Structures are given as C-alpha cells and as structure tokens.
Amino acid sequence: ELPTPAGKGCRLSAPALKIVTEAIACNSKAEIGFDAKKGKPNEIIGNKTEGALLLLVRALGCDYRDLRETVPIIKSFPFSSTKKRMTTVVQVGGGEGDSAKRRMYSKGASEVMLQLCS
C-alpha cells in the first residue's frame, strides 16, 4: 500500500496538485501494469523514472489513466536525445480551436530546462 502524501499534511493547494499530477500523467509514455510472468503488480512498463512519477501520481490519490483520458492532448513532442527534453501541449478550460486555452508541460535534463526559464 502506497502512502498518501496528499492527506492532512499536504502543502499543495488543490489547483497546484491538479497541475502537477496532470503534468506527470500527460507528459509521459510509461505505464504501470501487471507482469504476468513475474506475478508482480505495479510493474513499470517503459522508462523507470517516468514510471516512478506515475506511482507518485497514484500515491497522491489520482489515476494517471483517467487524467490521460480526460485531458485533451493537442501536441506531443517525444523525448529527443538531441534536445534532451519532452514536451506535451494540452487544452485547459473551455474554448475551441484558436480560442482554446493551452498549457505546455516540459521535462528534461536540468541544464536544458533551466536555460528555458526566465
């Protein structure tokens, strides 16, 4: 059983927690599944670091699969060893087409990500 850090001592507001879990779920290609050969639940399929982050999402009380199904992904830029990052653009809130609000989630090598910050 995983701990639930989002309980009484949680320091993130509900909107911040939603953004963090959405970012992790949508900007990842890993999955958590059952390994029938090993008889092991919670087996990470794909990148182990991404899988660990998905386990964090679960520990925070969210299902990454539900988030992936409900958050419209507009564009995904897979991890590139040249760029050393992955980026996903999602639609947030209302609006359609050009009037839709969008949010961009990126992750990657710290030296690359820090250069993109202002």
PDB file of N, CA and C in Angstrom:
ATOM      1  N   GLU A   1       0.843  -1.180   0.000  1.00  0.00           N
ATOM      2  CA  GLU A   1       0.000   0.000   0.000  1.00  0.00           C
ATOM      3  C   GLU A   1       0.884   1.236   0.000  1.00  0.00           C
ATOM      4  N   LEU A   2       0.625   2.139  -0.911  1.00  0.00           N
ATOM      5  CA  LEU A   2       1.415   3.362  -1.004  1.00  0.00           C
ATOM      6  C   LEU A   2       0.900   4.413  -0.032  1.00  0.00           C
ATOM      7  N   PRO A   3       1.786   5.248   0.501  1.00  0.00           N
ATOM      8  CA  PRO A   3       1.343   6.321   1.386  1.00  0.00           C
ATOM      9  C   PRO A   3       0.544   7.355   0.588  1.00  0.00           C
ATOM     10  N   THR A   4      -0.196   8.171   1.287  1.00  0.00           N
ATOM     11  CA  THR A   4      -0.976   9.215   0.631  1.00  0.00           C
ATOM     12  C   THR A   4      -0.489  10.568   1.129  1.00  0.00           C
ATOM     13  N   PRO A   5       0.577  11.121   0.529  1.00  0.00           N
ATOM     14  CA  PRO A   5       1.109  12.392   1.000  1.00  0.00           C
ATOM     15  C   PRO A   5       0.150  13.555   0.815  1.00  0.00           C
ATOM     16  N   ALA A   6      -0.914  13.356   0.046  1.00  0.00           N
ATOM     17  CA  ALA A   6      -1.856  14.450  -0.179  1.00  0.00           C
ATOM     18  C   ALA A   6      -2.845  14.579   0.975  1.00  0.00           C
ATOM     19  N   GLY A   7      -2.619  13.856   2.046  1.00  0.00           N
ATOM     20  CA  GLY A   7      -3.515  13.894   3.196  1.00  0.00           C
ATOM     21  C   GLY A   7      -3.390  15.178   3.992  1.00  0.00           C
ATOM     22  N   LYS A   8      -3.530  15.084   5.296  1.00  0.00           N
ATOM     23  CA  LYS A   8      -3.591  16.252   6.179  1.00  0.00           C
ATOM     24  C   LYS A   8      -2.400  17.183   6.050  1.00  0.00           C
ATOM     25  N   GLY A   9      -1.210  16.641   5.860  1.00  0.00           N
ATOM     26  CA  GLY A   9      -0.011  17.467   5.834  1.00  0.00           C
ATOM     27  C   GLY A   9       0.333  18.054   4.475  1.00  0.00           C
ATOM     28  N   CYS A  10      -0.541  17.865   3.483  1.00  0.00           N
ATOM     29  CA  CYS A  10      -0.252  18.332   2.125  1.00  0.00           C
ATOM     30  C   CYS A  10      -0.095  19.841   2.085  1.00  0.00           C
ATOM     31  N   ARG A  11       0.946  20.319   1.435  1.00  0.00           N
ATOM     32  CA  ARG A  11       1.202  21.749   1.351  1.00  0.00           C
ATOM     33  C   ARG A  11       0.820  22.324  -0.014  1.00  0.00           C
ATOM     34  N   LEU A  12       0.410  21.471  -0.933  1.00  0.00           N
ATOM     35  CA  LEU A  12      -0.009  21.945  -2.250  1.00  0.00           C
ATOM     36  C   LEU A  12      -1.501  22.242  -2.228  1.00  0.00           C
ATOM     37  N   SER A  13      -1.879  23.344  -2.846  1.00  0.00           N
ATOM     38  CA  SER A  13      -3.298  23.638  -2.986  1.00  0.00           C
ATOM     39  C   SER A  13      -3.899  22.646  -3.972  1.00  0.00           C
ATOM     40  N   ALA A  14      -5.207  22.511  -3.957  1.00  0.00           N
ATOM     41  CA  ALA A  14      -5.876  21.588  -4.884  1.00  0.00           C
ATOM     42  C   ALA A  14      -5.568  21.941  -6.344  1.00  0.00           C
ATOM     43  N   PRO A  15      -5.605  23.233  -6.741  1.00  0.00           N
ATOM     44  CA  PRO A  15      -5.256  23.554  -8.143  1.00  0.00           C
ATOM     45  C   PRO A  15      -3.805  23.202  -8.495  1.00  0.00           C
ATOM     46  N   ALA A  16      -2.887  23.424  -7.563  1.00  0.00           N
ATOM     47  CA  ALA A  16      -1.477  23.097  -7.820  1.00  0.00           C
ATOM     48  C   ALA A  16      -1.294  21.588  -7.938  1.00  0.00           C
ATOM     49  N   LEU A  17      -1.965  20.838  -7.073  1.00  0.00           N
ATOM     50  CA  LEU A  17      -1.889  19.380  -7.122  1.00  0.00           C
ATOM     51  C   LEU A  17      -2.429  18.861  -8.450  1.00  0.00           C
ATOM     52  N   LYS A  18      -3.507  19.472  -8.932  1.00  0.00           N
ATOM     53  CA  LYS A  18      -4.087  19.078 -10.222  1.00  0.00           C
ATOM     54  C   LYS A  18      -3.087  19.310 -11.348  1.00  0.00           C
ATOM     55  N   ILE A  19      -2.407  20.440 -11.339  1.00  0.00           N
ATOM     56  CA  ILE A  19      -1.435  20.750 -12.393  1.00  0.00           C
ATOM     57  C   ILE A  19      -0.256  19.776 -12.345  1.00  0.00           C
ATOM     58  N   VAL A  20       0.240  19.497 -11.151  1.00  0.00           N
ATOM     59  CA  VAL A  20       1.389  18.588 -11.012  1.00  0.00           C
ATOM     60  C   VAL A  20       1.031  17.186 -11.505  1.00  0.00           C
ATOM     61  N   THR A  21      -0.114  16.662 -11.067  1.00  0.00           N
ATOM     62  CA  THR A  21      -0.486  15.303 -11.472  1.00  0.00           C
ATOM     63  C   THR A  21      -0.816  15.235 -12.964  1.00  0.00           C
ATOM     64  N   GLU A  22      -1.431  16.288 -13.479  1.00  0.00           N
ATOM     65  CA  GLU A  22      -1.743  16.342 -14.912  1.00  0.00           C
ATOM     66  C   GLU A  22      -0.455  16.379 -15.737  1.00  0.00           C
ATOM     67  N   ALA A  23       0.504  17.168 -15.283  1.00  0.00           N
ATOM     68  CA  ALA A  23       1.781  17.276 -15.998  1.00  0.00           C
ATOM     69  C   ALA A  23       2.489  15.929 -16.055  1.00  0.00           C
ATOM     70  N   ILE A  24       2.524  15.235 -14.932  1.00  0.00           N
ATOM     71  CA  ILE A  24       3.194  13.942 -14.889  1.00  0.00           C
ATOM     72  C   ILE A  24       2.473  12.926 -15.775  1.00  0.00           C
ATOM     73  N   ALA A  25       1.147  12.873 -15.655  1.00  0.00           N
ATOM     74  CA  ALA A  25       0.370  11.873 -16.401  1.00  0.00           C
ATOM     75  C   ALA A  25       0.427  12.100 -17.907  1.00  0.00           C
ATOM     76  N   CYS A  26       0.279  13.349 -18.322  1.00  0.00           N
ATOM     77  CA  CYS A  26       0.184  13.648 -19.757  1.00  0.00           C
ATOM     78  C   CYS A  26       1.536  13.713 -20.459  1.00  0.00           C
ATOM     79  N   ASN A  27       2.577  14.035 -19.717  1.00  0.00           N
ATOM     80  CA  ASN A  27       3.893  14.195 -20.329  1.00  0.00           C
ATOM     81  C   ASN A  27       4.762  12.978 -20.029  1.00  0.00           C
ATOM     82  N   SER A  28       4.196  11.791 -20.258  1.00  0.00           N
ATOM     83  CA  SER A  28       4.880  10.538 -20.001  1.00  0.00           C
ATOM     84  C   SER A  28       4.333   9.470 -20.937  1.00  0.00           C
ATOM     85  N   LYS A  29       5.172   8.560 -21.340  1.00  0.00           N
ATOM     86  CA  LYS A  29       4.740   7.435 -22.173  1.00  0.00           C
ATOM     87  C   LYS A  29       4.752   6.125 -21.398  1.00  0.00           C
ATOM     88  N   ALA A  30       5.213   6.148 -20.154  1.00  0.00           N
ATOM     89  CA  ALA A  30       5.286   4.930 -19.345  1.00  0.00           C
ATOM     90  C   ALA A  30       3.891   4.478 -18.932  1.00  0.00           C
ATOM     91  N   GLU A  31       3.817   3.246 -18.486  1.00  0.00           N
ATOM     92  CA  GLU A  31       2.575   2.656 -17.975  1.00  0.00           C
ATOM     93  C   GLU A  31       2.921   1.869 -16.715  1.00  0.00           C
ATOM     94  N   ILE A  32       1.907   1.621 -15.897  1.00  0.00           N
ATOM     95  CA  ILE A  32       2.059   0.732 -14.753  1.00  0.00           C
ATOM     96  C   ILE A  32       1.120  -0.435 -15.002  1.00  0.00           C
ATOM     97  N   GLY A  33       1.676  -1.635 -14.990  1.00  0.00           N
ATOM     98  CA  GLY A  33       0.865  -2.800 -15.303  1.00  0.00           C
ATOM     99  C   GLY A  33       1.189  -3.973 -14.417  1.00  0.00           C
ATOM    100  N   PHE A  34       0.596  -5.104 -14.762  1.00  0.00           N
ATOM    101  CA  PHE A  34       0.826  -6.347 -14.041  1.00  0.00           C
ATOM    102  C   PHE A  34       1.722  -7.229 -14.893  1.00  0.00           C
ATOM    103  N   ASP A  35       2.836  -7.661 -14.329  1.00  0.00           N
ATOM    104  CA  ASP A  35       3.752  -8.562 -15.029  1.00  0.00           C
ATOM    105  C   ASP A  35       3.322 -10.003 -14.757  1.00  0.00           C
ATOM    106  N   ALA A  36       2.642 -10.612 -15.738  1.00  0.00           N
ATOM    107  CA  ALA A  36       2.121 -11.970 -15.567  1.00  0.00           C
ATOM    108  C   ALA A  36       3.245 -12.989 -15.390  1.00  0.00           C
ATOM    109  N   LYS A  37       4.372 -12.777 -16.064  1.00  0.00           N
ATOM    110  CA  LYS A  37       5.486 -13.725 -15.967  1.00  0.00           C
ATOM    111  C   LYS A  37       6.066 -13.746 -14.550  1.00  0.00           C
ATOM    112  N   LYS A  38       6.208 -12.552 -13.962  1.00  0.00           N
ATOM    113  CA  LYS A  38       6.784 -12.446 -12.623  1.00  0.00           C
ATOM    114  C   LYS A  38       5.715 -12.471 -11.532  1.00  0.00           C
ATOM    115  N   GLY A  39       4.455 -12.318 -11.931  1.00  0.00           N
ATOM    116  CA  GLY A  39       3.375 -12.253 -10.948  1.00  0.00           C
ATOM    117  C   GLY A  39       3.444 -11.010 -10.095  1.00  0.00           C
ATOM    118  N   LYS A  40       3.957  -9.921 -10.688  1.00  0.00           N
ATOM    119  CA  LYS A  40       4.165  -8.694  -9.924  1.00  0.00           C
ATOM    120  C   LYS A  40       3.205  -7.585 -10.361  1.00  0.00           C
ATOM    121  N   PRO A  41       2.460  -7.020  -9.397  1.00  0.00           N
ATOM    122  CA  PRO A  41       1.662  -5.832  -9.723  1.00  0.00           C
ATOM    123  C   PRO A  41       2.568  -4.605  -9.717  1.00  0.00           C
ATOM    124  N   ASN A  42       2.073  -3.507 -10.196  1.00  0.00           N
ATOM    125  CA  ASN A  42       2.804  -2.232 -10.205  1.00  0.00           C
ATOM    126  C   ASN A  42       4.120  -2.305 -10.964  1.00  0.00           C
ATOM    127  N   GLU A  43       4.176  -3.129 -11.996  1.00  0.00           N
ATOM    128  CA  GLU A  43       5.386  -3.237 -12.814  1.00  0.00           C
ATOM    129  C   GLU A  43       5.429  -2.056 -13.775  1.00  0.00           C
ATOM    130  N   ILE A  44       6.553  -1.381 -13.808  1.00  0.00           N
ATOM    131  CA  ILE A  44       6.711  -0.213 -14.682  1.00  0.00           C
ATOM    132  C   ILE A  44       7.040  -0.685 -16.087  1.00  0.00           C
ATOM    133  N   ILE A  45       6.259  -0.224 -17.036  1.00  0.00           N
ATOM    134  CA  ILE A  45       6.470  -0.544 -18.444  1.00  0.00           C
ATOM    135  C   ILE A  45       6.949   0.733 -19.116  1.00  0.00           C
ATOM    136  N   GLY A  46       8.171   0.711 -19.626  1.00  0.00           N
ATOM    137  CA  GLY A  46       8.756   1.906 -20.220  1.00  0.00           C
ATOM    138  C   GLY A  46       9.833   2.469 -19.314  1.00  0.00           C
ATOM    139  N   ASN A  47      10.048   3.755 -19.417  1.00  0.00           N
ATOM    140  CA  ASN A  47      11.089   4.442 -18.662  1.00  0.00           C
ATOM    141  C   ASN A  47      10.820   4.339 -17.155  1.00  0.00           C
ATOM    142  N   LYS A  48      11.812   3.889 -16.419  1.00  0.00           N
ATOM    143  CA  LYS A  48      11.641   3.653 -14.979  1.00  0.00           C
ATOM    144  C   LYS A  48      11.412   4.950 -14.202  1.00  0.00           C
ATOM    145  N   THR A  49      12.054   6.023 -14.602  1.00  0.00           N
ATOM    146  CA  THR A  49      11.843   7.305 -13.916  1.00  0.00           C
ATOM    147  C   THR A  49      10.425   7.805 -14.144  1.00  0.00           C
ATOM    148  N   GLU A  50       9.942   7.716 -15.388  1.00  0.00           N
ATOM    149  CA  GLU A  50       8.565   8.112 -15.677  1.00  0.00           C
ATOM    150  C   GLU A  50       7.588   7.238 -14.891  1.00  0.00           C
ATOM    151  N   GLY A  51       7.882   5.953 -14.801  1.00  0.00           N
ATOM    152  CA  GLY A  51       7.032   5.044 -14.044  1.00  0.00           C
ATOM    153  C   GLY A  51       6.982   5.404 -12.565  1.00  0.00           C
ATOM    154  N   ALA A  52       8.129   5.777 -12.016  1.00  0.00           N
ATOM    155  CA  ALA A  52       8.165   6.194 -10.609  1.00  0.00           C
ATOM    156  C   ALA A  52       7.310   7.438 -10.394  1.00  0.00           C
ATOM    157  N   LEU A  53       7.323   8.341 -11.349  1.00  0.00           N
ATOM    158  CA  LEU A  53       6.480   9.538 -11.245  1.00  0.00           C
ATOM    159  C   LEU A  53       4.997   9.168 -11.323  1.00  0.00           C
ATOM    160  N   LEU A  54       4.654   8.173 -12.140  1.00  0.00           N
ATOM    161  CA  LEU A  54       3.261   7.721 -12.202  1.00  0.00           C
ATOM    162  C   LEU A  54       2.836   7.089 -10.880  1.00  0.00           C
ATOM    163  N   LEU A  55       3.753   6.395 -10.214  1.00  0.00           N
ATOM    164  CA  LEU A  55       3.451   5.855  -8.889  1.00  0.00           C
ATOM    165  C   LEU A  55       3.229   6.983  -7.891  1.00  0.00           C
ATOM    166  N   LEU A  56       3.953   8.084  -8.051  1.00  0.00           N
ATOM    167  CA  LEU A  56       3.730   9.264  -7.212  1.00  0.00           C
ATOM    168  C   LEU A  56       2.326   9.821  -7.441  1.00  0.00           C
ATOM    169  N   VAL A  57       1.907   9.906  -8.700  1.00  0.00           N
ATOM    170  CA  VAL A  57       0.555  10.381  -9.017  1.00  0.00           C
ATOM    171  C   VAL A  57      -0.472   9.506  -8.301  1.00  0.00           C
ATOM    172  N   ARG A  58      -0.257   8.206  -8.332  1.00  0.00           N
ATOM    173  CA  ARG A  58      -1.166   7.282  -7.645  1.00  0.00           C
ATOM    174  C   ARG A  58      -1.146   7.539  -6.142  1.00  0.00           C
ATOM    175  N   ALA A  59       0.048   7.735  -5.583  1.00  0.00           N
ATOM    176  CA  ALA A  59       0.168   7.995  -4.148  1.00  0.00           C
ATOM    177  C   ALA A  59      -0.522   9.300  -3.756  1.00  0.00           C
ATOM    178  N   LEU A  60      -0.619  10.219  -4.683  1.00  0.00           N
ATOM    179  CA  LEU A  60      -1.298  11.491  -4.430  1.00  0.00           C
ATOM    180  C   LEU A  60      -2.808  11.382  -4.607  1.00  0.00           C
ATOM    181  N   GLY A  61      -3.275  10.178  -4.893  1.00  0.00           N
ATOM    182  CA  GLY A  61      -4.709   9.936  -4.944  1.00  0.00           C
ATOM    183  C   GLY A  61      -5.339  10.075  -6.314  1.00  0.00           C
ATOM    184  N   CYS A  62      -4.539  10.089  -7.365  1.00  0.00           N
ATOM    185  CA  CYS A  62      -5.066  10.241  -8.719  1.00  0.00           C
ATOM    186  C   CYS A  62      -4.738   9.010  -9.558  1.00  0.00           C
ATOM    187  N   ASP A  63      -5.516   8.796 -10.596  1.00  0.00           N
ATOM    188  CA  ASP A  63      -5.257   7.718 -11.541  1.00  0.00           C
ATOM    189  C   ASP A  63      -4.730   8.354 -12.831  1.00  0.00           C
ATOM    190  N   TYR A  64      -3.489   8.068 -13.161  1.00  0.00           N
ATOM    191  CA  TYR A  64      -2.879   8.692 -14.336  1.00  0.00           C
ATOM    192  C   TYR A  64      -3.641   8.357 -15.611  1.00  0.00           C
ATOM    193  N   ARG A  65      -4.257   7.181 -15.662  1.00  0.00           N
ATOM    194  CA  ARG A  65      -5.009   6.793 -16.866  1.00  0.00           C
ATOM    195  C   ARG A  65      -6.247   7.668 -17.048  1.00  0.00           C
ATOM    196  N   ASP A  66      -6.934   7.982 -15.947  1.00  0.00           N
ATOM    197  CA  ASP A  66      -8.094   8.879 -16.023  1.00  0.00           C
ATOM    198  C   ASP A  66      -7.677  10.261 -16.522  1.00  0.00           C
ATOM    199  N   LEU A  67      -6.544  10.751 -16.013  1.00  0.00           N
ATOM    200  CA  LEU A  67      -6.057  12.067 -16.447  1.00  0.00           C
ATOM    201  C   LEU A  67      -5.736  12.055 -17.936  1.00  0.00           C
ATOM    202  N   ARG A  68      -5.094  11.003 -18.409  1.00  0.00           N
ATOM    203  CA  ARG A  68      -4.750  10.907 -19.829  1.00  0.00           C
ATOM    204  C   ARG A  68      -6.003  10.867 -20.709  1.00  0.00           C
ATOM    205  N   GLU A  69      -7.074  10.260 -20.193  1.00  0.00           N
ATOM    206  CA  GLU A  69      -8.315  10.163 -20.966  1.00  0.00           C
ATOM    207  C   GLU A  69      -9.109  11.461 -20.971  1.00  0.00           C
ATOM    208  N   THR A  70      -9.016  12.239 -19.895  1.00  0.00           N
ATOM    209  CA  THR A  70      -9.866  13.431 -19.778  1.00  0.00           C
ATOM    210  C   THR A  70      -9.203  14.730 -20.215  1.00  0.00           C
ATOM    211  N   VAL A  71      -7.880  14.757 -20.257  1.00  0.00           N
ATOM    212  CA  VAL A  71      -7.169  15.981 -20.653  1.00  0.00           C
ATOM    213  C   VAL A  71      -6.839  15.886 -22.139  1.00  0.00           C
ATOM    214  N   PRO A  72      -7.415  16.780 -22.953  1.00  0.00           N
ATOM    215  CA  PRO A  72      -7.137  16.720 -24.394  1.00  0.00           C
ATOM    216  C   PRO A  72      -5.688  17.115 -24.709  1.00  0.00           C
ATOM    217  N   ILE A  73      -4.955  16.187 -25.303  1.00  0.00           N
ATOM    218  CA  ILE A  73      -3.574  16.472 -25.713  1.00  0.00           C
ATOM    219  C   ILE A  73      -3.617  17.016 -27.132  1.00  0.00           C
ATOM    220  N   ILE A  74      -3.084  18.219 -27.298  1.00  0.00           N
ATOM    221  CA  ILE A  74      -3.088  18.877 -28.602  1.00  0.00           C
ATOM    222  C   ILE A  74      -1.874  18.452 -29.421  1.00  0.00           C
ATOM    223  N   LYS A  75      -0.707  18.405 -28.781  1.00  0.00           N
ATOM    224  CA  LYS A  75       0.528  18.045 -29.492  1.00  0.00           C
ATOM    225  C   LYS A  75       1.507  17.470 -28.488  1.00  0.00           C
ATOM    226  N   SER A  76       2.212  16.443 -28.899  1.00  0.00           N
ATOM    227  CA  SER A  76       3.235  15.839 -28.061  1.00  0.00           C
ATOM    228  C   SER A  76       4.548  15.803 -28.831  1.00  0.00           C
ATOM    229  N   PHE A  77       5.599  16.248 -28.183  1.00  0.00           N
ATOM    230  CA  PHE A  77       6.943  16.218 -28.762  1.00  0.00           C
ATOM    231  C   PHE A  77       7.729  15.198 -27.944  1.00  0.00           C
ATOM    232  N   PRO A  78       7.959  13.998 -28.493  1.00  0.00           N
ATOM    233  CA  PRO A  78       8.617  12.946 -27.709  1.00  0.00           C
ATOM    234  C   PRO A  78      10.025  13.340 -27.286  1.00  0.00           C
ATOM    235  N   PHE A  79      10.522  12.630 -26.281  1.00  0.00           N
ATOM    236  CA  PHE A  79      11.877  12.890 -25.806  1.00  0.00           C
ATOM    237  C   PHE A  79      12.854  12.759 -26.962  1.00  0.00           C
ATOM    238  N   SER A  80      13.760  13.708 -27.019  1.00  0.00           N
ATOM    239  CA  SER A  80      14.796  13.694 -28.040  1.00  0.00           C
ATOM    240  C   SER A  80      16.154  13.752 -27.349  1.00  0.00           C
ATOM    241  N   SER A  81      17.041  12.852 -27.711  1.00  0.00           N
ATOM    242  CA  SER A  81      18.369  12.874 -27.097  1.00  0.00           C
ATOM    243  C   SER A  81      19.148  14.118 -27.519  1.00  0.00           C
ATOM    244  N   THR A  82      18.769  14.715 -28.643  1.00  0.00           N
ATOM    245  CA  THR A  82      19.409  15.956 -29.082  1.00  0.00           C
ATOM    246  C   THR A  82      18.938  17.127 -28.223  1.00  0.00           C
ATOM    247  N   LYS A  83      17.623  17.239 -28.051  1.00  0.00           N
ATOM    248  CA  LYS A  83      17.066  18.340 -27.256  1.00  0.00           C
ATOM    249  C   LYS A  83      17.074  18.046 -25.760  1.00  0.00           C
ATOM    250  N   LYS A  84      17.158  16.778 -25.391  1.00  0.00           N
ATOM    251  CA  LYS A  84      17.177  16.327 -24.008  1.00  0.00           C
ATOM    252  C   LYS A  84      15.939  16.774 -23.233  1.00  0.00           C
ATOM    253  N   ARG A  85      14.787  16.727 -23.908  1.00  0.00           N
ATOM    254  CA  ARG A  85      13.541  17.073 -23.234  1.00  0.00           C
ATOM    255  C   ARG A  85      12.355  16.480 -23.972  1.00  0.00           C
ATOM    256  N   MET A  86      11.219  16.464 -23.279  1.00  0.00           N
ATOM    257  CA  MET A  86       9.938  16.030 -23.825  1.00  0.00           C
ATOM    258  C   MET A  86       8.928  17.111 -23.497  1.00  0.00           C
ATOM    259  N   THR A  87       8.022  17.381 -24.422  1.00  0.00           N
ATOM    260  CA  THR A  87       7.026  18.427 -24.215  1.00  0.00           C
ATOM    261  C   THR A  87       5.669  17.947 -24.702  1.00  0.00           C
ATOM    262  N   THR A  88       4.638  18.297 -23.944  1.00  0.00           N
ATOM    263  CA  THR A  88       3.263  17.988 -24.316  1.00  0.00           C
ATOM    264  C   THR A  88       2.423  19.250 -24.131  1.00  0.00           C
ATOM    265  N   VAL A  89       1.599  19.554 -25.119  1.00  0.00           N
ATOM    266  CA  VAL A  89       0.689  20.696 -25.055  1.00  0.00           C
ATOM    267  C   VAL A  89      -0.715  20.140 -24.869  1.00  0.00           C
ATOM    268  N   VAL A  90      -1.418  20.644 -23.840  1.00  0.00           N
ATOM    269  CA  VAL A  90      -2.774  20.173 -23.554  1.00  0.00           C
ATOM    270  C   VAL A  90      -3.743  21.347 -23.590  1.00  0.00           C
ATOM    271  N   GLN A  91      -5.017  21.023 -23.799  1.00  0.00           N
ATOM    272  CA  GLN A  91      -6.071  22.036 -23.751  1.00  0.00           C
ATOM    273  C   GLN A  91      -6.589  22.111 -22.329  1.00  0.00           C
ATOM    274  N   VAL A  92      -6.746  23.325 -21.830  1.00  0.00           N
ATOM    275  CA  VAL A  92      -7.309  23.521 -20.492  1.00  0.00           C
ATOM    276  C   VAL A  92      -8.506  24.452 -20.593  1.00  0.00           C
ATOM    277  N   GLY A  93      -9.480  24.246 -19.756  1.00  0.00           N
ATOM    278  CA  GLY A  93     -10.654  25.113 -19.748  1.00  0.00           C
ATOM    279  C   GLY A  93     -11.459  25.005 -21.024  1.00  0.00           C
ATOM    280  N   GLY A  94     -12.296  26.004 -21.232  1.00  0.00           N
ATOM    281  CA  GLY A  94     -13.191  25.992 -22.386  1.00  0.00           C
ATOM    282  C   GLY A  94     -12.552  26.558 -23.632  1.00  0.00           C
ATOM    283  N   GLY A  95     -13.368  26.783 -24.600  1.00  0.00           N
ATOM    284  CA  GLY A  95     -12.905  27.337 -25.866  1.00  0.00           C
ATOM    285  C   GLY A  95     -12.622  26.247 -26.867  1.00  0.00           C
ATOM    286  N   GLU A  96     -12.692  26.633 -28.124  1.00  0.00           N
ATOM    287  CA  GLU A  96     -12.423  25.680 -29.196  1.00  0.00           C
ATOM    288  C   GLU A  96     -11.469  26.312 -30.192  1.00  0.00           C
ATOM    289  N   GLY A  97     -10.765  25.476 -30.910  1.00  0.00           N
ATOM    290  CA  GLY A  97      -9.864  25.962 -31.948  1.00  0.00           C
ATOM    291  C   GLY A  97      -8.826  26.917 -31.407  1.00  0.00           C
ATOM    292  N   ASP A  98      -8.683  28.069 -32.080  1.00  0.00           N
ATOM    293  CA  ASP A  98      -7.678  29.053 -31.685  1.00  0.00           C
ATOM    294  C   ASP A  98      -7.989  29.734 -30.363  1.00  0.00           C
ATOM    295  N   SER A  99      -9.271  29.728 -29.941  1.00  0.00           N
ATOM    296  CA  SER A  99      -9.626  30.394 -28.683  1.00  0.00           C
ATOM    297  C   SER A  99      -9.436  29.492 -27.465  1.00  0.00           C
ATOM    298  N   ALA A 100      -9.108  28.216 -27.679  1.00  0.00           N
ATOM    299  CA  ALA A 100      -8.908  27.287 -26.559  1.00  0.00           C
ATOM    300  C   ALA A 100      -7.639  27.664 -25.799  1.00  0.00           C
ATOM    301  N   LYS A 101      -7.725  27.562 -24.484  1.00  0.00           N
ATOM    302  CA  LYS A 101      -6.544  27.814 -23.656  1.00  0.00           C
ATOM    303  C   LYS A 101      -5.685  26.562 -23.669  1.00  0.00           C
ATOM    304  N   ARG A 102      -4.385  26.778 -23.694  1.00  0.00           N
ATOM    305  CA  ARG A 102      -3.441  25.664 -23.746  1.00  0.00           C
ATOM    306  C   ARG A 102      -2.414  25.790 -22.631  1.00  0.00           C
ATOM    307  N   ARG A 103      -1.886  24.645 -22.234  1.00  0.00           N
ATOM    308  CA  ARG A 103      -0.819  24.615 -21.243  1.00  0.00           C
ATOM    309  C   ARG A 103       0.257  23.694 -21.789  1.00  0.00           C
ATOM    310  N   MET A 104       1.506  24.070 -21.593  1.00  0.00           N
ATOM    311  CA  MET A 104       2.618  23.271 -22.083  1.00  0.00           C
ATOM    312  C   MET A 104       3.359  22.674 -20.892  1.00  0.00           C
ATOM    313  N   TYR A 105       3.548  21.359 -20.934  1.00  0.00           N
ATOM    314  CA  TYR A 105       4.311  20.658 -19.911  1.00  0.00           C
ATOM    315  C   TYR A 105       5.601  20.165 -20.548  1.00  0.00           C
ATOM    316  N   SER A 106       6.732  20.497 -19.922  1.00  0.00           N
ATOM    317  CA  SER A 106       8.032  20.033 -20.416  1.00  0.00           C
ATOM    318  C   SER A 106       8.819  19.419 -19.273  1.00  0.00           C
ATOM    319  N   LYS A 107       9.631  18.447 -19.624  1.00  0.00           N
ATOM    320  CA  LYS A 107      10.554  17.856 -18.657  1.00  0.00           C
ATOM    321  C   LYS A 107      11.807  17.457 -19.409  1.00  0.00           C
ATOM    322  N   GLY A 108      12.913  17.427 -18.682  1.00  0.00           N
ATOM    323  CA  GLY A 108      14.149  17.032 -19.329  1.00  0.00           C
ATOM    324  C   GLY A 108      15.349  17.270 -18.438  1.00  0.00           C
ATOM    325  N   ALA A 109      16.495  17.267 -19.062  1.00  0.00           N
ATOM    326  CA  ALA A 109      17.751  17.479 -18.350  1.00  0.00           C
ATOM    327  C   ALA A 109      17.732  18.840 -17.690  1.00  0.00           C
ATOM    328  N   SER A 110      18.150  18.892 -16.428  1.00  0.00           N
ATOM    329  CA  SER A 110      18.073  20.146 -15.668  1.00  0.00           C
ATOM    330  C   SER A 110      18.829  21.288 -16.341  1.00  0.00           C
ATOM    331  N   GLU A 111      19.985  20.995 -16.915  1.00  0.00           N
ATOM    332  CA  GLU A 111      20.756  22.070 -17.558  1.00  0.00           C
ATOM    333  C   GLU A 111      20.027  22.642 -18.775  1.00  0.00           C
ATOM    334  N   VAL A 112      19.242  21.822 -19.438  1.00  0.00           N
ATOM    335  CA  VAL A 112      18.452  22.274 -20.602  1.00  0.00           C
ATOM    336  C   VAL A 112      17.225  23.049 -20.126  1.00  0.00           C
ATOM    337  N   MET A 113      16.517  22.498 -19.153  1.00  0.00           N
ATOM    338  CA  MET A 113      15.292  23.123 -18.667  1.00  0.00           C
ATOM    339  C   MET A 113      15.570  24.474 -18.016  1.00  0.00           C
ATOM    340  N   LEU A 114      16.659  24.587 -17.293  1.00  0.00           N
ATOM    341  CA  LEU A 114      16.989  25.860 -16.633  1.00  0.00           C
ATOM    342  C   LEU A 114      17.289  26.950 -17.654  1.00  0.00           C
ATOM    343  N   GLN A 115      17.871  26.591 -18.789  1.00  0.00           N
ATOM    344  CA  GLN A 115      18.143  27.584 -19.831  1.00  0.00           C
ATOM    345  C   GLN A 115      16.857  28.123 -20.458  1.00  0.00           C
ATOM    346  N   LEU A 116      15.777  27.342 -20.381  1.00  0.00           N
ATOM    347  CA  LEU A 116      14.497  27.769 -20.959  1.00  0.00           C
ATOM    348  C   LEU A 116      13.697  28.658 -20.017  1.00  0.00           C
ATOM    349  N   CYS A 117      14.135  28.756 -18.775  1.00  0.00           N
ATOM    350  CA  CYS A 117      13.415  29.551 -17.774  1.00  0.00           C
ATOM    351  C   CYS A 117      13.819  31.012 -17.824  1.00  0.00           C
ATOM    352  N   SER A 118      12.863  31.875 -17.461  1.00  0.00           N
ATOM    353  CA  SER A 118      13.191  33.320 -17.386  1.00  0.00           C
ATOM    354  C   SER A 118      13.240  33.756 -15.957  1.00  0.00           C
TER     355      SER A 118
END
